[in-house]
């Protein structure tokens, strides 16, 4: 199952450190088959506040995502981002194409089809 590294970053201080981070991150992703799905970009607000930038990196599974984040190559550049941006970063697994919204309900709340 595809796993995603999600970053919701704000208060990014653009400068040499962030440039160095951006120049280096792609090479840290390659050994773990990670790639950007969303990397900032123009947003169309539909509801609620939409502060900061959203970054989504896809990996073939949670193990690969963990291995990338913990890798010496990524850990070496991580302070460049942490010292120049605030936000939340987490891993989350995707769902299959056959997933339905009600799949998350406990059994006692599911209705028969």
PDB file of N, CA and C in Angstrom:
ATOM      1  N   UNK A   1       0.847  -1.178   0.000  1.00  0.00           N
ATOM      2  CA  UNK A   1       0.000   0.000   0.000  1.00  0.00           C
ATOM      3  C   UNK A   1       0.893   1.242   0.000  1.00  0.00           C
ATOM      4  N   UNK A   2       0.599   2.166  -0.853  1.00  0.00           N
ATOM      5  CA  UNK A   2       1.355   3.414  -0.916  1.00  0.00           C
ATOM      6  C   UNK A   2       1.250   4.144   0.411  1.00  0.00           C
ATOM      7  N   UNK A   3       2.376   4.686   0.855  1.00  0.00           N
ATOM      8  CA  UNK A   3       2.421   5.489   2.065  1.00  0.00           C
ATOM      9  C   UNK A   3       2.906   6.878   1.669  1.00  0.00           C
ATOM     10  N   UNK A   4       2.395   7.873   2.358  1.00  0.00           N
ATOM     11  CA  UNK A   4       2.712   9.251   2.013  1.00  0.00           C
ATOM     12  C   UNK A   4       3.358   9.972   3.186  1.00  0.00           C
ATOM     13  N   UNK A   5       4.400  10.729   2.875  1.00  0.00           N
ATOM     14  CA  UNK A   5       4.972  11.670   3.837  1.00  0.00           C
ATOM     15  C   UNK A   5       4.300  13.002   3.534  1.00  0.00           C
ATOM     16  N   UNK A   6       3.618  13.539   4.529  1.00  0.00           N
ATOM     17  CA  UNK A   6       2.862  14.775   4.364  1.00  0.00           C
ATOM     18  C   UNK A   6       3.537  15.868   5.182  1.00  0.00           C
ATOM     19  N   UNK A   7       3.740  16.986   4.574  1.00  0.00           N
ATOM     20  CA  UNK A   7       4.234  18.160   5.285  1.00  0.00           C
ATOM     21  C   UNK A   7       3.289  19.317   5.038  1.00  0.00           C
ATOM     22  N   UNK A   8       2.838  19.949   6.118  1.00  0.00           N
ATOM     23  CA  UNK A   8       2.045  21.170   6.008  1.00  0.00           C
ATOM     24  C   UNK A   8       2.896  22.254   6.633  1.00  0.00           C
ATOM     25  N   UNK A   9       3.598  22.987   5.797  1.00  0.00           N
ATOM     26  CA  UNK A   9       4.602  23.932   6.270  1.00  0.00           C
ATOM     27  C   UNK A   9       4.136  25.365   6.127  1.00  0.00           C
ATOM     28  N   UNK A  10       4.565  26.184   7.077  1.00  0.00           N
ATOM     29  CA  UNK A  10       4.266  27.606   7.036  1.00  0.00           C
ATOM     30  C   UNK A  10       5.424  28.362   7.659  1.00  0.00           C
ATOM     31  N   UNK A  11       5.380  29.664   7.546  1.00  0.00           N
ATOM     32  CA  UNK A  11       6.457  30.521   8.046  1.00  0.00           C
ATOM     33  C   UNK A  11       7.815  30.063   7.538  1.00  0.00           C
ATOM     34  N   UNK A  12       7.882  29.768   6.267  1.00  0.00           N
ATOM     35  CA  UNK A  12       9.139  29.341   5.654  1.00  0.00           C
ATOM     36  C   UNK A  12      10.000  30.578   5.412  1.00  0.00           C
ATOM     37  N   UNK A  13      11.231  30.519   5.904  1.00  0.00           N
ATOM     38  CA  UNK A  13      12.184  31.589   5.664  1.00  0.00           C
ATOM     39  C   UNK A  13      12.996  31.217   4.436  1.00  0.00           C
ATOM     40  N   UNK A  14      12.704  31.870   3.332  1.00  0.00           N
ATOM     41  CA  UNK A  14      13.396  31.570   2.087  1.00  0.00           C
ATOM     42  C   UNK A  14      14.797  32.158   2.155  1.00  0.00           C
ATOM     43  N   UNK A  15      15.774  31.324   1.872  1.00  0.00           N
ATOM     44  CA  UNK A  15      17.166  31.761   1.907  1.00  0.00           C
ATOM     45  C   UNK A  15      18.070  30.605   1.515  1.00  0.00           C
ATOM     46  N   UNK A  16      19.348  30.759   1.754  1.00  0.00           N
ATOM     47  CA  UNK A  16      20.339  29.769   1.340  1.00  0.00           C
ATOM     48  C   UNK A  16      20.070  28.382   1.918  1.00  0.00           C
ATOM     49  N   UNK A  17      19.619  28.297   3.173  1.00  0.00           N
ATOM     50  CA  UNK A  17      19.398  26.994   3.812  1.00  0.00           C
ATOM     51  C   UNK A  17      18.261  26.233   3.125  1.00  0.00           C
ATOM     52  N   UNK A  18      17.164  26.905   2.840  1.00  0.00           N
ATOM     53  CA  UNK A  18      16.042  26.239   2.172  1.00  0.00           C
ATOM     54  C   UNK A  18      16.429  25.868   0.747  1.00  0.00           C
ATOM     55  N   UNK A  19      17.173  26.717   0.084  1.00  0.00           N
ATOM     56  CA  UNK A  19      17.641  26.389  -1.262  1.00  0.00           C
ATOM     57  C   UNK A  19      18.497  25.125  -1.214  1.00  0.00           C
ATOM     58  N   UNK A  20      19.415  25.042  -0.246  1.00  0.00           N
ATOM     59  CA  UNK A  20      20.268  23.860  -0.107  1.00  0.00           C
ATOM     60  C   UNK A  20      19.429  22.605   0.181  1.00  0.00           C
ATOM     61  N   UNK A  21      18.409  22.742   1.019  1.00  0.00           N
ATOM     62  CA  UNK A  21      17.506  21.627   1.323  1.00  0.00           C
ATOM     63  C   UNK A  21      16.804  21.146   0.052  1.00  0.00           C
ATOM     64  N   UNK A  22      16.252  22.069  -0.711  1.00  0.00           N
ATOM     65  CA  UNK A  22      15.533  21.721  -1.933  1.00  0.00           C
ATOM     66  C   UNK A  22      16.466  21.109  -2.981  1.00  0.00           C
ATOM     67  N   UNK A  23      17.696  21.592  -3.050  1.00  0.00           N
ATOM     68  CA  UNK A  23      18.661  21.034  -3.998  1.00  0.00           C
ATOM     69  C   UNK A  23      19.063  19.605  -3.628  1.00  0.00           C
ATOM     70  N   UNK A  24      18.969  19.251  -2.349  1.00  0.00           N
ATOM     71  CA  UNK A  24      19.450  17.945  -1.882  1.00  0.00           C
ATOM     72  C   UNK A  24      18.359  16.894  -1.709  1.00  0.00           C
ATOM     73  N   UNK A  25      17.105  17.295  -1.525  1.00  0.00           N
ATOM     74  CA  UNK A  25      16.083  16.325  -1.126  1.00  0.00           C
ATOM     75  C   UNK A  25      15.795  15.256  -2.181  1.00  0.00           C
ATOM     76  N   UNK A  26      15.809  15.609  -3.458  1.00  0.00           N
ATOM     77  CA  UNK A  26      15.496  14.613  -4.491  1.00  0.00           C
ATOM     78  C   UNK A  26      16.418  13.403  -4.421  1.00  0.00           C
ATOM     79  N   UNK A  27      17.693  13.633  -4.188  1.00  0.00           N
ATOM     80  CA  UNK A  27      18.636  12.506  -4.133  1.00  0.00           C
ATOM     81  C   UNK A  27      18.416  11.648  -2.886  1.00  0.00           C
ATOM     82  N   UNK A  28      17.798  12.197  -1.842  1.00  0.00           N
ATOM     83  CA  UNK A  28      17.494  11.378  -0.657  1.00  0.00           C
ATOM     84  C   UNK A  28      16.278  10.495  -0.893  1.00  0.00           C
ATOM     85  N   UNK A  29      15.391  10.903  -1.790  1.00  0.00           N
ATOM     86  CA  UNK A  29      14.170  10.147  -2.080  1.00  0.00           C
ATOM     87  C   UNK A  29      14.425   8.952  -2.993  1.00  0.00           C
ATOM     88  N   UNK A  30      15.318   9.111  -3.948  1.00  0.00           N
ATOM     89  CA  UNK A  30      15.538   8.112  -4.994  1.00  0.00           C
ATOM     90  C   UNK A  30      15.789   6.692  -4.474  1.00  0.00           C
ATOM     91  N   UNK A  31      16.645   6.476  -3.465  1.00  0.00           N
ATOM     92  CA  UNK A  31      16.893   5.101  -3.014  1.00  0.00           C
ATOM     93  C   UNK A  31      15.663   4.418  -2.405  1.00  0.00           C
ATOM     94  N   UNK A  32      14.631   5.184  -2.065  1.00  0.00           N
ATOM     95  CA  UNK A  32      13.437   4.636  -1.414  1.00  0.00           C
ATOM     96  C   UNK A  32      12.220   4.704  -2.335  1.00  0.00           C
ATOM     97  N   UNK A  33      12.458   4.979  -3.606  1.00  0.00           N
ATOM     98  CA  UNK A  33      11.410   5.077  -4.617  1.00  0.00           C
ATOM     99  C   UNK A  33      10.360   6.116  -4.234  1.00  0.00           C
ATOM    100  N   UNK A  34      10.824   7.201  -3.596  1.00  0.00           N
ATOM    101  CA  UNK A  34       9.922   8.282  -3.218  1.00  0.00           C
ATOM    102  C   UNK A  34       9.858   9.337  -4.304  1.00  0.00           C
ATOM    103  N   UNK A  35       8.688   9.945  -4.456  1.00  0.00           N
ATOM    104  CA  UNK A  35       8.539  11.025  -5.428  1.00  0.00           C
ATOM    105  C   UNK A  35       7.456  11.995  -4.961  1.00  0.00           C
ATOM    106  N   UNK A  36       7.625  13.238  -5.363  1.00  0.00           N
ATOM    107  CA  UNK A  36       6.652  14.266  -5.015  1.00  0.00           C
ATOM    108  C   UNK A  36       5.351  14.040  -5.767  1.00  0.00           C
ATOM    109  N   UNK A  37       4.247  14.150  -5.037  1.00  0.00           N
ATOM    110  CA  UNK A  37       2.914  14.117  -5.624  1.00  0.00           C
ATOM    111  C   UNK A  37       2.354  15.538  -5.622  1.00  0.00           C
ATOM    112  N   UNK A  38       2.584  16.233  -4.519  1.00  0.00           N
ATOM    113  CA  UNK A  38       2.202  17.646  -4.372  1.00  0.00           C
ATOM    114  C   UNK A  38       3.389  18.351  -3.744  1.00  0.00           C
ATOM    115  N   UNK A  39       3.735  19.504  -4.290  1.00  0.00           N
ATOM    116  CA  UNK A  39       4.842  20.281  -3.720  1.00  0.00           C
ATOM    117  C   UNK A  39       4.488  21.754  -3.803  1.00  0.00           C
ATOM    118  N   UNK A  40       3.676  22.194  -2.838  1.00  0.00           N
ATOM    119  CA  UNK A  40       3.215  23.580  -2.858  1.00  0.00           C
ATOM    120  C   UNK A  40       2.269  23.780  -4.026  1.00  0.00           C
ATOM    121  N   UNK A  41       2.410  24.878  -4.694  1.00  0.00           N
ATOM    122  CA  UNK A  41       1.576  25.157  -5.856  1.00  0.00           C
ATOM    123  C   UNK A  41       0.368  26.012  -5.520  1.00  0.00           C
ATOM    124  N   UNK A  42      -0.287  26.444  -6.558  1.00  0.00           N
ATOM    125  CA  UNK A  42      -1.463  27.306  -6.400  1.00  0.00           C
ATOM    126  C   UNK A  42      -2.617  26.512  -5.789  1.00  0.00           C
ATOM    127  N   UNK A  43      -3.270  27.106  -4.803  1.00  0.00           N
ATOM    128  CA  UNK A  43      -4.401  26.477  -4.126  1.00  0.00           C
ATOM    129  C   UNK A  43      -5.681  27.223  -4.479  1.00  0.00           C
ATOM    130  N   UNK A  44      -6.752  26.485  -4.545  1.00  0.00           N
ATOM    131  CA  UNK A  44      -8.073  27.082  -4.690  1.00  0.00           C
ATOM    132  C   UNK A  44      -8.826  26.768  -3.407  1.00  0.00           C
ATOM    133  N   UNK A  45      -8.978  27.756  -2.560  1.00  0.00           N
ATOM    134  CA  UNK A  45      -9.629  27.570  -1.269  1.00  0.00           C
ATOM    135  C   UNK A  45     -11.122  27.321  -1.468  1.00  0.00           C
ATOM    136  N   UNK A  46     -11.601  26.227  -0.878  1.00  0.00           N
ATOM    137  CA  UNK A  46     -13.032  25.918  -0.917  1.00  0.00           C
ATOM    138  C   UNK A  46     -13.681  26.111   0.447  1.00  0.00           C
ATOM    139  N   UNK A  47     -12.971  25.733   1.513  1.00  0.00           N
ATOM    140  CA  UNK A  47     -13.507  25.884   2.868  1.00  0.00           C
ATOM    141  C   UNK A  47     -12.355  26.105   3.838  1.00  0.00           C
ATOM    142  N   UNK A  48     -12.583  26.918   4.839  1.00  0.00           N
ATOM    143  CA  UNK A  48     -11.632  27.102   5.925  1.00  0.00           C
ATOM    144  C   UNK A  48     -10.338  27.776   5.509  1.00  0.00           C
ATOM    145  N   UNK A  49      -9.513  28.067   6.526  1.00  0.00           N
ATOM    146  CA  UNK A  49      -8.230  28.714   6.229  1.00  0.00           C
ATOM    147  C   UNK A  49      -7.300  27.743   5.491  1.00  0.00           C
ATOM    148  N   UNK A  50      -6.500  28.293   4.652  1.00  0.00           N
ATOM    149  CA  UNK A  50      -5.593  27.472   3.849  1.00  0.00           C
ATOM    150  C   UNK A  50      -4.212  28.109   3.923  1.00  0.00           C
ATOM    151  N   UNK A  51      -3.608  28.002   5.090  1.00  0.00           N
ATOM    152  CA  UNK A  51      -2.316  28.647   5.327  1.00  0.00           C
ATOM    153  C   UNK A  51      -1.171  27.711   4.960  1.00  0.00           C
ATOM    154  N   UNK A  52      -0.108  28.282   4.510  1.00  0.00           N
ATOM    155  CA  UNK A  52       1.099  27.507   4.277  1.00  0.00           C
ATOM    156  C   UNK A  52       1.063  26.700   2.987  1.00  0.00           C
ATOM    157  N   UNK A  53       2.007  25.760   2.929  1.00  0.00           N
ATOM    158  CA  UNK A  53       2.167  24.919   1.747  1.00  0.00           C
ATOM    159  C   UNK A  53       1.994  23.465   2.118  1.00  0.00           C
ATOM    160  N   UNK A  54       1.415  22.700   1.204  1.00  0.00           N
ATOM    161  CA  UNK A  54       1.238  21.272   1.396  1.00  0.00           C
ATOM    162  C   UNK A  54       2.242  20.547   0.518  1.00  0.00           C
ATOM    163  N   UNK A  55       2.945  19.587   1.121  1.00  0.00           N
ATOM    164  CA  UNK A  55       3.901  18.760   0.407  1.00  0.00           C
ATOM    165  C   UNK A  55       3.506  17.317   0.632  1.00  0.00           C
ATOM    166  N   UNK A  56       3.401  16.533  -0.443  1.00  0.00           N
ATOM    167  CA  UNK A  56       3.053  15.124  -0.349  1.00  0.00           C
ATOM    168  C   UNK A  56       4.086  14.346  -1.159  1.00  0.00           C
ATOM    169  N   UNK A  57       4.738  13.391  -0.483  1.00  0.00           N
ATOM    170  CA  UNK A  57       5.733  12.536  -1.119  1.00  0.00           C
ATOM    171  C   UNK A  57       5.243  11.103  -1.004  1.00  0.00           C
ATOM    172  N   UNK A  58       5.162  10.401  -2.124  1.00  0.00           N
ATOM    173  CA  UNK A  58       4.673   9.019  -2.150  1.00  0.00           C
ATOM    174  C   UNK A  58       5.837   8.040  -2.075  1.00  0.00           C
ATOM    175  N   UNK A  59       5.609   6.956  -1.331  1.00  0.00           N
ATOM    176  CA  UNK A  59       6.555   5.849  -1.201  1.00  0.00           C
ATOM    177  C   UNK A  59       5.789   4.553  -1.439  1.00  0.00           C
ATOM    178  N   UNK A  60       6.490   3.484  -1.833  1.00  0.00           N
ATOM    179  CA  UNK A  60       5.789   2.226  -2.090  1.00  0.00           C
ATOM    180  C   UNK A  60       5.173   1.591  -0.846  1.00  0.00           C
ATOM    181  N   UNK A  61       5.550   2.019   0.338  1.00  0.00           N
ATOM    182  CA  UNK A  61       4.981   1.491   1.569  1.00  0.00           C
ATOM    183  C   UNK A  61       5.535   2.231   2.770  1.00  0.00           C
ATOM    184  N   UNK A  62       4.962   1.958   3.943  1.00  0.00           N
ATOM    185  CA  UNK A  62       5.365   2.646   5.172  1.00  0.00           C
ATOM    186  C   UNK A  62       6.825   2.370   5.511  1.00  0.00           C
ATOM    187  N   UNK A  63       7.286   1.142   5.261  1.00  0.00           N
ATOM    188  CA  UNK A  63       8.677   0.798   5.572  1.00  0.00           C
ATOM    189  C   UNK A  63       9.645   1.678   4.778  1.00  0.00           C
ATOM    190  N   UNK A  64       9.370   1.880   3.507  1.00  0.00           N
ATOM    191  CA  UNK A  64      10.226   2.726   2.677  1.00  0.00           C
ATOM    192  C   UNK A  64      10.178   4.175   3.147  1.00  0.00           C
ATOM    193  N   UNK A  65       9.001   4.658   3.524  1.00  0.00           N
ATOM    194  CA  UNK A  65       8.864   6.033   4.014  1.00  0.00           C
ATOM    195  C   UNK A  65       9.664   6.230   5.298  1.00  0.00           C
ATOM    196  N   UNK A  66       9.560   5.271   6.225  1.00  0.00           N
ATOM    197  CA  UNK A  66      10.347   5.341   7.467  1.00  0.00           C
ATOM    198  C   UNK A  66      11.839   5.306   7.160  1.00  0.00           C
ATOM    199  N   UNK A  67      12.239   4.405   6.274  1.00  0.00           N
ATOM    200  CA  UNK A  67      13.661   4.264   5.944  1.00  0.00           C
ATOM    201  C   UNK A  67      14.214   5.563   5.359  1.00  0.00           C
ATOM    202  N   UNK A  68      13.431   6.218   4.485  1.00  0.00           N
ATOM    203  CA  UNK A  68      13.862   7.504   3.923  1.00  0.00           C
ATOM    204  C   UNK A  68      14.027   8.540   5.025  1.00  0.00           C
ATOM    205  N   UNK A  69      12.996   8.700   5.863  1.00  0.00           N
ATOM    206  CA  UNK A  69      13.035   9.753   6.883  1.00  0.00           C
ATOM    207  C   UNK A  69      14.201   9.546   7.846  1.00  0.00           C
ATOM    208  N   UNK A  70      14.490   8.302   8.175  1.00  0.00           N
ATOM    209  CA  UNK A  70      15.556   7.990   9.118  1.00  0.00           C
ATOM    210  C   UNK A  70      16.932   7.867   8.463  1.00  0.00           C
ATOM    211  N   UNK A  71      16.990   7.947   7.148  1.00  0.00           N
ATOM    212  CA  UNK A  71      18.260   7.745   6.440  1.00  0.00           C
ATOM    213  C   UNK A  71      19.277   8.832   6.811  1.00  0.00           C
ATOM    214  N   UNK A  72      20.547   8.477   6.831  1.00  0.00           N
ATOM    215  CA  UNK A  72      21.588   9.473   7.107  1.00  0.00           C
ATOM    216  C   UNK A  72      21.543  10.647   6.117  1.00  0.00           C
ATOM    217  N   UNK A  73      21.223  10.360   4.854  1.00  0.00           N
ATOM    218  CA  UNK A  73      21.183  11.427   3.853  1.00  0.00           C
ATOM    219  C   UNK A  73      20.098  12.451   4.169  1.00  0.00           C
ATOM    220  N   UNK A  74      18.891  11.976   4.556  1.00  0.00           N
ATOM    221  CA  UNK A  74      17.826  12.928   4.869  1.00  0.00           C
ATOM    222  C   UNK A  74      18.069  13.601   6.218  1.00  0.00           C
ATOM    223  N   UNK A  75      18.529  12.844   7.188  1.00  0.00           N
ATOM    224  CA  UNK A  75      18.803  13.430   8.501  1.00  0.00           C
ATOM    225  C   UNK A  75      19.852  14.537   8.408  1.00  0.00           C
ATOM    226  N   UNK A  76      20.770  14.427   7.449  1.00  0.00           N
ATOM    227  CA  UNK A  76      21.808  15.448   7.278  1.00  0.00           C
ATOM    228  C   UNK A  76      21.234  16.778   6.807  1.00  0.00           C
ATOM    229  N   UNK A  77      20.158  16.744   6.013  1.00  0.00           N
ATOM    230  CA  UNK A  77      19.581  17.998   5.512  1.00  0.00           C
ATOM    231  C   UNK A  77      18.360  18.466   6.304  1.00  0.00           C
ATOM    232  N   UNK A  78      17.809  17.608   7.133  1.00  0.00           N
ATOM    233  CA  UNK A  78      16.596  17.940   7.885  1.00  0.00           C
ATOM    234  C   UNK A  78      16.718  19.233   8.699  1.00  0.00           C
ATOM    235  N   UNK A  79      17.841  19.502   9.369  1.00  0.00           N
ATOM    236  CA  UNK A  79      17.941  20.768  10.111  1.00  0.00           C
ATOM    237  C   UNK A  79      17.786  22.013   9.235  1.00  0.00           C
ATOM    238  N   UNK A  80      18.132  21.899   7.965  1.00  0.00           N
ATOM    239  CA  UNK A  80      17.964  23.047   7.064  1.00  0.00           C
ATOM    240  C   UNK A  80      16.494  23.445   6.969  1.00  0.00           C
ATOM    241  N   UNK A  81      15.598  22.461   6.939  1.00  0.00           N
ATOM    242  CA  UNK A  81      14.158  22.755   6.908  1.00  0.00           C
ATOM    243  C   UNK A  81      13.652  23.129   8.285  1.00  0.00           C
ATOM    244  N   UNK A  82      14.005  22.331   9.277  1.00  0.00           N
ATOM    245  CA  UNK A  82      13.476  22.569  10.626  1.00  0.00           C
ATOM    246  C   UNK A  82      13.824  23.945  11.173  1.00  0.00           C
ATOM    247  N   UNK A  83      14.988  24.453  10.843  1.00  0.00           N
ATOM    248  CA  UNK A  83      15.398  25.767  11.346  1.00  0.00           C
ATOM    249  C   UNK A  83      14.844  26.921  10.525  1.00  0.00           C
ATOM    250  N   UNK A  84      14.167  26.610   9.429  1.00  0.00           N
ATOM    251  CA  UNK A  84      13.685  27.661   8.532  1.00  0.00           C
ATOM    252  C   UNK A  84      12.225  27.522   8.137  1.00  0.00           C
ATOM    253  N   UNK A  85      11.498  26.638   8.813  1.00  0.00           N
ATOM    254  CA  UNK A  85      10.069  26.479   8.532  1.00  0.00           C
ATOM    255  C   UNK A  85       9.397  25.847   9.741  1.00  0.00           C
ATOM    256  N   UNK A  86       8.130  26.152   9.915  1.00  0.00           N
ATOM    257  CA  UNK A  86       7.321  25.524  10.948  1.00  0.00           C
ATOM    258  C   UNK A  86       6.269  24.670  10.262  1.00  0.00           C
ATOM    259  N   UNK A  87       5.740  23.711  10.987  1.00  0.00           N
ATOM    260  CA  UNK A  87       4.653  22.935  10.425  1.00  0.00           C
ATOM    261  C   UNK A  87       4.576  21.541  10.996  1.00  0.00           C
ATOM    262  N   UNK A  88       3.692  20.770  10.411  1.00  0.00           N
ATOM    263  CA  UNK A  88       3.453  19.393  10.817  1.00  0.00           C
ATOM    264  C   UNK A  88       3.945  18.474   9.710  1.00  0.00           C
ATOM    265  N   UNK A  89       4.573  17.370  10.107  1.00  0.00           N
ATOM    266  CA  UNK A  89       5.040  16.367   9.160  1.00  0.00           C
ATOM    267  C   UNK A  89       4.640  15.008   9.710  1.00  0.00           C
ATOM    268  N   UNK A  90       4.042  14.169   8.859  1.00  0.00           N
ATOM    269  CA  UNK A  90       3.603  12.851   9.323  1.00  0.00           C
ATOM    270  C   UNK A  90       3.526  11.889   8.160  1.00  0.00           C
ATOM    271  N   UNK A  91       3.421  10.605   8.488  1.00  0.00           N
ATOM    272  CA  UNK A  91       3.235   9.553   7.485  1.00  0.00           C
ATOM    273  C   UNK A  91       1.802   9.053   7.573  1.00  0.00           C
ATOM    274  N   UNK A  92       1.242   8.711   6.422  1.00  0.00           N
ATOM    275  CA  UNK A  92      -0.114   8.161   6.384  1.00  0.00           C
ATOM    276  C   UNK A  92      -0.210   7.216   5.194  1.00  0.00           C
ATOM    277  N   UNK A  93      -0.895   6.110   5.386  1.00  0.00           N
ATOM    278  CA  UNK A  93      -1.064   5.147   4.311  1.00  0.00           C
ATOM    279  C   UNK A  93      -2.242   5.524   3.439  1.00  0.00           C
ATOM    280  N   UNK A  94      -2.112   5.242   2.155  1.00  0.00           N
ATOM    281  CA  UNK A  94      -3.201   5.467   1.213  1.00  0.00           C
ATOM    282  C   UNK A  94      -4.220   4.347   1.299  1.00  0.00           C
ATOM    283  N   UNK A  95      -5.223   4.446   0.481  1.00  0.00           N
ATOM    284  CA  UNK A  95      -6.261   3.416   0.399  1.00  0.00           C
ATOM    285  C   UNK A  95      -6.369   2.966  -1.049  1.00  0.00           C
ATOM    286  N   UNK A  96      -6.936   1.795  -1.261  1.00  0.00           N
ATOM    287  CA  UNK A  96      -7.121   1.269  -2.612  1.00  0.00           C
ATOM    288  C   UNK A  96      -8.249   1.968  -3.339  1.00  0.00           C
ATOM    289  N   UNK A  97      -8.307   1.766  -4.638  1.00  0.00           N
ATOM    290  CA  UNK A  97      -9.350   2.394  -5.463  1.00  0.00           C
ATOM    291  C   UNK A  97     -10.748   1.933  -5.082  1.00  0.00           C
ATOM    292  N   UNK A  98     -10.848   0.753  -4.462  1.00  0.00           N
ATOM    293  CA  UNK A  98     -12.164   0.235  -4.081  1.00  0.00           C
ATOM    294  C   UNK A  98     -12.610   0.719  -2.697  1.00  0.00           C
ATOM    295  N   UNK A  99     -11.812   1.548  -2.042  1.00  0.00           N
ATOM    296  CA  UNK A  99     -12.151   2.069  -0.714  1.00  0.00           C
ATOM    297  C   UNK A  99     -13.404   2.939  -0.794  1.00  0.00           C
ATOM    298  N   UNK A 100     -14.280   2.769   0.189  1.00  0.00           N
ATOM    299  CA  UNK A 100     -15.474   3.599   0.326  1.00  0.00           C
ATOM    300  C   UNK A 100     -15.403   4.316   1.668  1.00  0.00           C
ATOM    301  N   UNK A 101     -15.996   5.473   1.737  1.00  0.00           N
ATOM    302  CA  UNK A 101     -15.928   6.289   2.949  1.00  0.00           C
ATOM    303  C   UNK A 101     -16.382   5.513   4.183  1.00  0.00           C
ATOM    304  N   UNK A 102     -17.388   4.673   4.051  1.00  0.00           N
ATOM    305  CA  UNK A 102     -17.923   3.934   5.200  1.00  0.00           C
ATOM    306  C   UNK A 102     -17.001   2.810   5.670  1.00  0.00           C
ATOM    307  N   UNK A 103     -15.939   2.504   4.919  1.00  0.00           N
ATOM    308  CA  UNK A 103     -15.007   1.456   5.330  1.00  0.00           C
ATOM    309  C   UNK A 103     -14.340   1.757   6.671  1.00  0.00           C
ATOM    310  N   UNK A 104     -14.303   3.009   7.069  1.00  0.00           N
ATOM    311  CA  UNK A 104     -13.659   3.369   8.334  1.00  0.00           C
ATOM    312  C   UNK A 104     -14.580   3.188   9.544  1.00  0.00           C
ATOM    313  N   UNK A 105     -15.856   2.935   9.310  1.00  0.00           N
ATOM    314  CA  UNK A 105     -16.815   2.810  10.404  1.00  0.00           C
ATOM    315  C   UNK A 105     -16.628   1.504  11.166  1.00  0.00           C
ATOM    316  N   UNK A 106     -16.763   1.536  12.494  1.00  0.00           N
ATOM    317  CA  UNK A 106     -16.781   0.292  13.259  1.00  0.00           C
ATOM    318  C   UNK A 106     -17.983  -0.556  12.799  1.00  0.00           C
ATOM    319  N   UNK A 107     -17.875  -1.856  12.928  1.00  0.00           N
ATOM    320  CA  UNK A 107     -18.907  -2.791  12.451  1.00  0.00           C
ATOM    321  C   UNK A 107     -20.309  -2.421  12.941  1.00  0.00           C
ATOM    322  N   UNK A 108     -20.445  -1.972  14.189  1.00  0.00           N
ATOM    323  CA  UNK A 108     -21.782  -1.690  14.726  1.00  0.00           C
ATOM    324  C   UNK A 108     -22.478  -0.526  14.029  1.00  0.00           C
ATOM    325  N   UNK A 109     -21.739   0.274  13.270  1.00  0.00           N
ATOM    326  CA  UNK A 109     -22.341   1.412  12.564  1.00  0.00           C
ATOM    327  C   UNK A 109     -22.549   1.132  11.073  1.00  0.00           C
ATOM    328  N   UNK A 110     -22.108  -0.001  10.609  1.00  0.00           N
ATOM    329  CA  UNK A 110     -22.243  -0.309   9.179  1.00  0.00           C
ATOM    330  C   UNK A 110     -23.630  -0.862   8.889  1.00  0.00           C
ATOM    331  N   UNK A 111     -24.192  -0.389   7.801  1.00  0.00           N
ATOM    332  CA  UNK A 111     -25.504  -0.844   7.362  1.00  0.00           C
ATOM    333  C   UNK A 111     -25.311  -1.861   6.248  1.00  0.00           C
ATOM    334  N   UNK A 112     -26.154  -2.851   6.196  1.00  0.00           N
ATOM    335  CA  UNK A 112     -26.082  -3.857   5.129  1.00  0.00           C
ATOM    336  C   UNK A 112     -26.446  -3.223   3.811  1.00  0.00           C
ATOM    337  N   UNK A 113     -25.808  -3.715   2.771  1.00  0.00           N
ATOM    338  CA  UNK A 113     -26.090  -3.170   1.432  1.00  0.00           C
ATOM    339  C   UNK A 113     -27.329  -3.814   0.859  1.00  0.00           C
TER     340      UNK A 113
END
